[in-house]
């Protein structure tokens, strides 16, 4: 019986590996290779661009359907982050994504059988289809130091919920992202820019953040926003 159970587990593992689209496997390998502690090895990618080119070629032909939620969400999160990396590498060296004209709203990317800008991915494909999932804000990384850290793995169907939750927990417990200063709590401008996403259920910013905090923040503290650092997240 034990042998049958072992064979079943091994067979299931093989099926799972085979069912994982090539894009996700290659994206995972790429991010493990070129992302470290939230920073990207842009210079290395620039010198050896073949891995990124192959990955983007897979992403270009990837067909998505919002009804296949986990695959759709995971693909477009990864597609956004890879599009950001590609946009930086094409213009590297740069000190900030803001140095590149139209980086977010005009530069087109061929992804998922579409020609889309980064803003279109974020606002139309990701939040447009899943407006209640505010945790996307901590997974979509805009190449700036004040962004949530880019994880060194791909977002994957099957474990996406776990990854989003872990990324949100890590981000909202990071003392650089949520800064406590005496009677004041300083939040990222992300909360200011997307206020409705975090307060739509009638909660305050602090109440939202405390859902994920190990050390809760007193609701008596005043809330302000620190200046966003657009310096490149270059390793």
C-alpha atoms as a PDB file:
ATOM      1  CA  UNK A   1       0.000   0.000   0.000  1.00  0.00           C
ATOM      2  CA  UNK A   2       2.868   2.335   0.885  1.00  0.00           C
ATOM      3  CA  UNK A   3       4.437   1.631  -2.509  1.00  0.00           C
ATOM      4  CA  UNK A   4       1.159   2.450  -4.268  1.00  0.00           C
ATOM      5  CA  UNK A   5       0.889   5.730  -2.319  1.00  0.00           C
ATOM      6  CA  UNK A   6       4.467   6.662  -3.225  1.00  0.00           C
ATOM      7  CA  UNK A   7       3.856   5.866  -6.890  1.00  0.00           C
ATOM      8  CA  UNK A   8       0.701   7.992  -6.839  1.00  0.00           C
ATOM      9  CA  UNK A   9       2.559  10.949  -5.314  1.00  0.00           C
ATOM     10  CA  UNK A  10       5.372  10.652  -7.833  1.00  0.00           C
ATOM     11  CA  UNK A  11       2.885  10.387 -10.705  1.00  0.00           C
ATOM     12  CA  UNK A  12       1.011  13.456  -9.414  1.00  0.00           C
ATOM     13  CA  UNK A  13       4.258  15.418  -9.193  1.00  0.00           C
ATOM     14  CA  UNK A  14       5.101  14.530 -12.793  1.00  0.00           C
ATOM     15  CA  UNK A  15       1.642  15.580 -13.949  1.00  0.00           C
ATOM     16  CA  UNK A  16       1.916  18.863 -12.059  1.00  0.00           C
ATOM     17  CA  UNK A  17       5.289  19.613 -13.639  1.00  0.00           C
ATOM     18  CA  UNK A  18       3.986  18.748 -17.091  1.00  0.00           C
ATOM     19  CA  UNK A  19       0.846  20.829 -16.613  1.00  0.00           C
ATOM     20  CA  UNK A  20       2.870  23.913 -15.659  1.00  0.00           C
ATOM     21  CA  UNK A  21       3.166  26.046 -18.813  1.00  0.00           C
ATOM     22  CA  UNK A  22       6.704  26.585 -20.022  1.00  0.00           C
ATOM     23  CA  UNK A  23       6.346  30.332 -19.510  1.00  0.00           C
ATOM     24  CA  UNK A  24       5.951  30.020 -15.741  1.00  0.00           C
ATOM     25  CA  UNK A  25       8.866  27.616 -15.392  1.00  0.00           C
ATOM     26  CA  UNK A  26      11.198  29.827 -17.403  1.00  0.00           C
ATOM     27  CA  UNK A  27       9.984  32.992 -15.651  1.00  0.00           C
ATOM     28  CA  UNK A  28      10.691  31.363 -12.302  1.00  0.00           C
ATOM     29  CA  UNK A  29      14.230  30.395 -13.370  1.00  0.00           C
ATOM     30  CA  UNK A  30      14.857  33.871 -14.802  1.00  0.00           C
ATOM     31  CA  UNK A  31      13.757  35.712 -11.666  1.00  0.00           C
ATOM     32  CA  UNK A  32      15.706  33.356  -9.401  1.00  0.00           C
ATOM     33  CA  UNK A  33      18.805  34.131 -11.488  1.00  0.00           C
ATOM     34  CA  UNK A  34      18.510  37.893 -11.904  1.00  0.00           C
ATOM     35  CA  UNK A  35      16.657  39.159  -8.809  1.00  0.00           C
ATOM     36  CA  UNK A  36      18.307  39.380  -5.401  1.00  0.00           C
ATOM     37  CA  UNK A  37      16.833  40.970  -2.265  1.00  0.00           C
ATOM     38  CA  UNK A  38      14.271  42.819  -4.372  1.00  0.00           C
ATOM     39  CA  UNK A  39      16.875  44.300  -6.726  1.00  0.00           C
ATOM     40  CA  UNK A  40      17.481  43.409 -10.354  1.00  0.00           C
ATOM     41  CA  UNK A  41      20.772  42.593 -12.075  1.00  0.00           C
ATOM     42  CA  UNK A  42      20.030  44.845 -15.053  1.00  0.00           C
ATOM     43  CA  UNK A  43      23.660  45.041 -16.196  1.00  0.00           C
ATOM     44  CA  UNK A  44      23.933  41.234 -16.354  1.00  0.00           C
ATOM     45  CA  UNK A  45      20.702  40.963 -18.327  1.00  0.00           C
ATOM     46  CA  UNK A  46      21.905  43.691 -20.702  1.00  0.00           C
ATOM     47  CA  UNK A  47      25.143  41.764 -21.324  1.00  0.00           C
ATOM     48  CA  UNK A  48      23.346  38.424 -21.733  1.00  0.00           C
ATOM     49  CA  UNK A  49      19.864  39.237 -23.080  1.00  0.00           C
ATOM     50  CA  UNK A  50      19.022  35.829 -24.566  1.00  0.00           C
ATOM     51  CA  UNK A  51      17.182  34.486 -21.487  1.00  0.00           C
ATOM     52  CA  UNK A  52      14.925  37.545 -21.386  1.00  0.00           C
ATOM     53  CA  UNK A  53      14.325  37.434 -25.149  1.00  0.00           C
ATOM     54  CA  UNK A  54      13.260  33.777 -25.013  1.00  0.00           C
ATOM     55  CA  UNK A  55      11.005  34.425 -22.045  1.00  0.00           C
ATOM     56  CA  UNK A  56       9.330  37.423 -23.667  1.00  0.00           C
ATOM     57  CA  UNK A  57       8.811  35.390 -26.837  1.00  0.00           C
ATOM     58  CA  UNK A  58       6.883  32.837 -24.778  1.00  0.00           C
ATOM     59  CA  UNK A  59       4.934  35.628 -23.076  1.00  0.00           C
ATOM     60  CA  UNK A  60       4.089  37.164 -26.444  1.00  0.00           C
ATOM     61  CA  UNK A  61       2.306  33.962 -27.567  1.00  0.00           C
ATOM     62  CA  UNK A  62       0.630  33.173 -24.239  1.00  0.00           C
ATOM     63  CA  UNK A  63      -3.173  33.149 -24.499  1.00  0.00           C
ATOM     64  CA  UNK A  64      -5.122  34.179 -21.398  1.00  0.00           C
ATOM     65  CA  UNK A  65      -8.734  33.986 -20.285  1.00  0.00           C
ATOM     66  CA  UNK A  66     -10.032  35.865 -17.193  1.00  0.00           C
ATOM     67  CA  UNK A  67     -12.277  32.885 -16.431  1.00  0.00           C
ATOM     68  CA  UNK A  68      -9.136  30.851 -15.735  1.00  0.00           C
ATOM     69  CA  UNK A  69      -8.473  33.148 -12.800  1.00  0.00           C
ATOM     70  CA  UNK A  70      -5.252  31.817 -11.331  1.00  0.00           C
ATOM     71  CA  UNK A  71      -3.482  31.448 -14.675  1.00  0.00           C
ATOM     72  CA  UNK A  72      -4.722  34.856 -15.825  1.00  0.00           C
ATOM     73  CA  UNK A  73      -3.677  36.659 -12.648  1.00  0.00           C
ATOM     74  CA  UNK A  74      -0.299  34.929 -12.373  1.00  0.00           C
ATOM     75  CA  UNK A  75       0.530  35.500 -16.031  1.00  0.00           C
ATOM     76  CA  UNK A  76      -0.259  39.220 -16.039  1.00  0.00           C
ATOM     77  CA  UNK A  77       1.552  39.908 -12.762  1.00  0.00           C
ATOM     78  CA  UNK A  78       4.653  38.251 -14.196  1.00  0.00           C
ATOM     79  CA  UNK A  79       4.117  39.903 -17.581  1.00  0.00           C
ATOM     80  CA  UNK A  80       3.999  43.337 -15.937  1.00  0.00           C
ATOM     81  CA  UNK A  81       7.162  42.738 -13.929  1.00  0.00           C
ATOM     82  CA  UNK A  82       9.013  41.324 -16.934  1.00  0.00           C
ATOM     83  CA  UNK A  83       7.796  44.204 -19.098  1.00  0.00           C
ATOM     84  CA  UNK A  84       9.248  46.610 -16.542  1.00  0.00           C
ATOM     85  CA  UNK A  85      12.578  44.774 -16.588  1.00  0.00           C
ATOM     86  CA  UNK A  86      12.620  44.715 -20.388  1.00  0.00           C
ATOM     87  CA  UNK A  87      11.855  48.429 -20.570  1.00  0.00           C
ATOM     88  CA  UNK A  88      14.725  49.236 -18.216  1.00  0.00           C
ATOM     89  CA  UNK A  89      17.190  46.914 -19.969  1.00  0.00           C
ATOM     90  CA  UNK A  90      16.443  48.474 -23.361  1.00  0.00           C
ATOM     91  CA  UNK A  91      17.412  51.889 -21.968  1.00  0.00           C
ATOM     92  CA  UNK A  92      20.080  50.830 -19.486  1.00  0.00           C
ATOM     93  CA  UNK A  93      21.971  52.465 -17.891  1.00  0.00           C
ATOM     94  CA  UNK A  94      19.352  54.757 -16.365  1.00  0.00           C
ATOM     95  CA  UNK A  95      18.889  56.034 -12.827  1.00  0.00           C
ATOM     96  CA  UNK A  96      15.091  55.869 -12.756  1.00  0.00           C
ATOM     97  CA  UNK A  97      12.187  54.575 -14.857  1.00  0.00           C
ATOM     98  CA  UNK A  98      10.930  58.165 -14.960  1.00  0.00           C
ATOM     99  CA  UNK A  99      13.940  59.084 -17.125  1.00  0.00           C
ATOM    100  CA  UNK A 100      12.384  56.996 -19.926  1.00  0.00           C
ATOM    101  CA  UNK A 101       9.685  58.919 -21.780  1.00  0.00           C
ATOM    102  CA  UNK A 102       6.316  57.158 -21.698  1.00  0.00           C
ATOM    103  CA  UNK A 103       7.738  54.240 -19.716  1.00  0.00           C
ATOM    104  CA  UNK A 104       4.399  53.396 -18.111  1.00  0.00           C
ATOM    105  CA  UNK A 105       1.774  54.895 -20.404  1.00  0.00           C
ATOM    106  CA  UNK A 106       3.201  54.952 -23.941  1.00  0.00           C
ATOM    107  CA  UNK A 107       5.843  52.254 -24.462  1.00  0.00           C
ATOM    108  CA  UNK A 108       4.121  49.166 -26.002  1.00  0.00           C
ATOM    109  CA  UNK A 109       4.881  45.578 -24.971  1.00  0.00           C
ATOM    110  CA  UNK A 110       3.882  42.465 -26.940  1.00  0.00           C
ATOM    111  CA  UNK A 111       2.473  40.210 -24.229  1.00  0.00           C
ATOM    112  CA  UNK A 112      -0.395  37.749 -24.034  1.00  0.00           C
ATOM    113  CA  UNK A 113      -1.284  38.153 -27.741  1.00  0.00           C
ATOM    114  CA  UNK A 114      -1.729  41.890 -27.168  1.00  0.00           C
ATOM    115  CA  UNK A 115       0.168  45.130 -27.608  1.00  0.00           C
ATOM    116  CA  UNK A 116      -0.174  46.835 -24.240  1.00  0.00           C
ATOM    117  CA  UNK A 117       1.476  49.477 -22.092  1.00  0.00           C
ATOM    118  CA  UNK A 118       2.363  48.813 -18.464  1.00  0.00           C
ATOM    119  CA  UNK A 119      -0.502  51.054 -17.364  1.00  0.00           C
ATOM    120  CA  UNK A 120      -2.934  49.063 -19.502  1.00  0.00           C
ATOM    121  CA  UNK A 121      -1.746  45.814 -17.925  1.00  0.00           C
ATOM    122  CA  UNK A 122      -2.194  47.240 -14.439  1.00  0.00           C
ATOM    123  CA  UNK A 123      -5.454  49.154 -14.808  1.00  0.00           C
ATOM    124  CA  UNK A 124      -7.325  47.268 -17.541  1.00  0.00           C
ATOM    125  CA  UNK A 125      -6.157  43.651 -17.402  1.00  0.00           C
ATOM    126  CA  UNK A 126      -5.265  43.139 -13.750  1.00  0.00           C
ATOM    127  CA  UNK A 127      -7.410  45.543 -11.712  1.00  0.00           C
ATOM    128  CA  UNK A 128      -9.949  45.887 -14.511  1.00  0.00           C
ATOM    129  CA  UNK A 129     -10.828  42.200 -14.180  1.00  0.00           C
ATOM    130  CA  UNK A 130     -10.251  41.847 -10.434  1.00  0.00           C
ATOM    131  CA  UNK A 131     -10.918  45.266  -8.849  1.00  0.00           C
ATOM    132  CA  UNK A 132     -11.305  43.933  -5.300  1.00  0.00           C
ATOM    133  CA  UNK A 133      -7.821  42.399  -5.122  1.00  0.00           C
ATOM    134  CA  UNK A 134      -5.787  45.235  -3.619  1.00  0.00           C
ATOM    135  CA  UNK A 135      -2.870  42.886  -2.877  1.00  0.00           C
ATOM    136  CA  UNK A 136      -1.839  43.241  -6.531  1.00  0.00           C
ATOM    137  CA  UNK A 137      -0.334  46.590  -5.490  1.00  0.00           C
ATOM    138  CA  UNK A 138       2.355  44.692  -3.593  1.00  0.00           C
ATOM    139  CA  UNK A 139       3.111  42.280  -6.462  1.00  0.00           C
ATOM    140  CA  UNK A 140       3.351  44.716  -9.411  1.00  0.00           C
ATOM    141  CA  UNK A 141       6.812  46.263  -9.164  1.00  0.00           C
ATOM    142  CA  UNK A 142       7.633  49.489 -11.021  1.00  0.00           C
ATOM    143  CA  UNK A 143      11.484  49.333 -10.900  1.00  0.00           C
ATOM    144  CA  UNK A 144      11.788  51.994  -8.183  1.00  0.00           C
ATOM    145  CA  UNK A 145      13.303  51.633  -4.734  1.00  0.00           C
ATOM    146  CA  UNK A 146      10.059  52.704  -3.039  1.00  0.00           C
ATOM    147  CA  UNK A 147       8.118  49.925  -4.771  1.00  0.00           C
ATOM    148  CA  UNK A 148       7.413  46.749  -2.836  1.00  0.00           C
ATOM    149  CA  UNK A 149      10.333  44.395  -3.332  1.00  0.00           C
ATOM    150  CA  UNK A 150      10.305  42.213  -6.433  1.00  0.00           C
ATOM    151  CA  UNK A 151      10.327  38.567  -5.358  1.00  0.00           C
ATOM    152  CA  UNK A 152      12.954  36.252  -6.825  1.00  0.00           C
ATOM    153  CA  UNK A 153      10.424  33.769  -8.161  1.00  0.00           C
ATOM    154  CA  UNK A 154       7.520  33.765 -10.574  1.00  0.00           C
ATOM    155  CA  UNK A 155       3.934  34.040  -9.427  1.00  0.00           C
ATOM    156  CA  UNK A 156       2.504  30.605 -10.164  1.00  0.00           C
ATOM    157  CA  UNK A 157      -0.994  29.197 -10.692  1.00  0.00           C
ATOM    158  CA  UNK A 158      -1.823  26.824  -7.873  1.00  0.00           C
ATOM    159  CA  UNK A 159       0.106  28.738  -5.221  1.00  0.00           C
ATOM    160  CA  UNK A 160      -0.828  32.292  -6.222  1.00  0.00           C
ATOM    161  CA  UNK A 161      -3.017  32.936  -3.156  1.00  0.00           C
ATOM    162  CA  UNK A 162      -0.177  31.881  -0.864  1.00  0.00           C
ATOM    163  CA  UNK A 163       2.330  34.042  -2.757  1.00  0.00           C
ATOM    164  CA  UNK A 164       0.112  37.150  -2.731  1.00  0.00           C
ATOM    165  CA  UNK A 165      -0.560  36.743   0.979  1.00  0.00           C
ATOM    166  CA  UNK A 166       3.115  36.210   1.803  1.00  0.00           C
ATOM    167  CA  UNK A 167       4.180  39.192  -0.318  1.00  0.00           C
ATOM    168  CA  UNK A 168       1.583  41.417   1.371  1.00  0.00           C
ATOM    169  CA  UNK A 169       2.665  40.263   4.838  1.00  0.00           C
ATOM    170  CA  UNK A 170       6.331  40.867   4.033  1.00  0.00           C
ATOM    171  CA  UNK A 171       5.654  44.297   2.548  1.00  0.00           C
ATOM    172  CA  UNK A 172       3.395  45.616   5.306  1.00  0.00           C
ATOM    173  CA  UNK A 173       5.764  44.391   8.030  1.00  0.00           C
ATOM    174  CA  UNK A 174       8.786  46.007   6.340  1.00  0.00           C
ATOM    175  CA  UNK A 175       9.876  49.013   8.456  1.00  0.00           C
ATOM    176  CA  UNK A 176      11.089  50.777   5.303  1.00  0.00           C
ATOM    177  CA  UNK A 177       7.684  50.464   3.656  1.00  0.00           C
ATOM    178  CA  UNK A 178       5.574  51.249   6.750  1.00  0.00           C
ATOM    179  CA  UNK A 179       7.505  53.784   8.827  1.00  0.00           C
ATOM    180  CA  UNK A 180       6.618  54.452  12.452  1.00  0.00           C
ATOM    181  CA  UNK A 181       7.835  57.839  13.686  1.00  0.00           C
ATOM    182  CA  UNK A 182       6.641  58.626  17.209  1.00  0.00           C
ATOM    183  CA  UNK A 183       2.934  59.426  17.039  1.00  0.00           C
ATOM    184  CA  UNK A 184       2.992  59.349  13.242  1.00  0.00           C
ATOM    185  CA  UNK A 185       2.826  56.499  10.753  1.00  0.00           C
ATOM    186  CA  UNK A 186       4.288  57.231   7.326  1.00  0.00           C
ATOM    187  CA  UNK A 187       2.812  55.189   4.501  1.00  0.00           C
ATOM    188  CA  UNK A 188       3.913  54.652   0.929  1.00  0.00           C
ATOM    189  CA  UNK A 189       2.415  56.992  -1.657  1.00  0.00           C
ATOM    190  CA  UNK A 190       0.817  53.832  -3.091  1.00  0.00           C
ATOM    191  CA  UNK A 191      -1.828  54.175  -0.360  1.00  0.00           C
ATOM    192  CA  UNK A 192      -2.410  57.789  -1.336  1.00  0.00           C
ATOM    193  CA  UNK A 193      -2.561  57.132  -5.093  1.00  0.00           C
ATOM    194  CA  UNK A 194      -4.938  54.172  -4.717  1.00  0.00           C
ATOM    195  CA  UNK A 195      -6.824  55.243  -1.606  1.00  0.00           C
ATOM    196  CA  UNK A 196     -10.146  53.734  -2.698  1.00  0.00           C
ATOM    197  CA  UNK A 197      -8.601  50.281  -3.110  1.00  0.00           C
ATOM    198  CA  UNK A 198      -7.572  50.200   0.549  1.00  0.00           C
ATOM    199  CA  UNK A 199     -10.557  51.977   2.124  1.00  0.00           C
ATOM    200  CA  UNK A 200     -13.439  50.675  -0.015  1.00  0.00           C
ATOM    201  CA  UNK A 201     -14.724  48.477   2.822  1.00  0.00           C
ATOM    202  CA  UNK A 202     -15.076  51.449   5.146  1.00  0.00           C
ATOM    203  CA  UNK A 203     -11.779  50.886   6.919  1.00  0.00           C
ATOM    204  CA  UNK A 204      -8.972  53.330   7.589  1.00  0.00           C
ATOM    205  CA  UNK A 205      -5.450  52.914   6.266  1.00  0.00           C
ATOM    206  CA  UNK A 206      -4.248  51.753   9.678  1.00  0.00           C
ATOM    207  CA  UNK A 207      -7.091  49.246   9.972  1.00  0.00           C
ATOM    208  CA  UNK A 208      -6.205  47.877   6.550  1.00  0.00           C
ATOM    209  CA  UNK A 209      -2.493  47.580   7.340  1.00  0.00           C
ATOM    210  CA  UNK A 210      -3.144  45.998  10.755  1.00  0.00           C
ATOM    211  CA  UNK A 211      -4.826  43.017   9.087  1.00  0.00           C
ATOM    212  CA  UNK A 212      -1.349  41.935   8.022  1.00  0.00           C
ATOM    213  CA  UNK A 213       0.873  43.388  10.752  1.00  0.00           C
ATOM    214  CA  UNK A 214       2.592  41.324  13.439  1.00  0.00           C
ATOM    215  CA  UNK A 215       2.974  44.461  15.579  1.00  0.00           C
ATOM    216  CA  UNK A 216      -0.281  46.381  15.271  1.00  0.00           C
ATOM    217  CA  UNK A 217      -0.233  50.152  14.816  1.00  0.00           C
ATOM    218  CA  UNK A 218      -2.253  52.309  17.204  1.00  0.00           C
ATOM    219  CA  UNK A 219      -5.235  53.903  15.469  1.00  0.00           C
ATOM    220  CA  UNK A 220      -4.480  57.057  17.440  1.00  0.00           C
ATOM    221  CA  UNK A 221      -1.409  57.723  15.304  1.00  0.00           C
ATOM    222  CA  UNK A 222      -1.673  60.305  12.548  1.00  0.00           C
ATOM    223  CA  UNK A 223      -1.129  59.163   8.978  1.00  0.00           C
ATOM    224  CA  UNK A 224       1.062  60.809   6.372  1.00  0.00           C
ATOM    225  CA  UNK A 225       2.955  59.707   3.261  1.00  0.00           C
ATOM    226  CA  UNK A 226       6.702  59.719   2.700  1.00  0.00           C
ATOM    227  CA  UNK A 227       8.207  60.892  -0.577  1.00  0.00           C
ATOM    228  CA  UNK A 228       8.392  58.160  -3.194  1.00  0.00           C
ATOM    229  CA  UNK A 229      11.945  57.227  -4.150  1.00  0.00           C
ATOM    230  CA  UNK A 230      12.003  56.639  -7.915  1.00  0.00           C
ATOM    231  CA  UNK A 231      15.683  55.650  -7.941  1.00  0.00           C
ATOM    232  CA  UNK A 232      16.176  52.405  -9.900  1.00  0.00           C
ATOM    233  CA  UNK A 233      16.035  49.102  -8.001  1.00  0.00           C
ATOM    234  CA  UNK A 234      19.381  48.165  -9.505  1.00  0.00           C
ATOM    235  CA  UNK A 235      21.497  45.591  -7.698  1.00  0.00           C
END
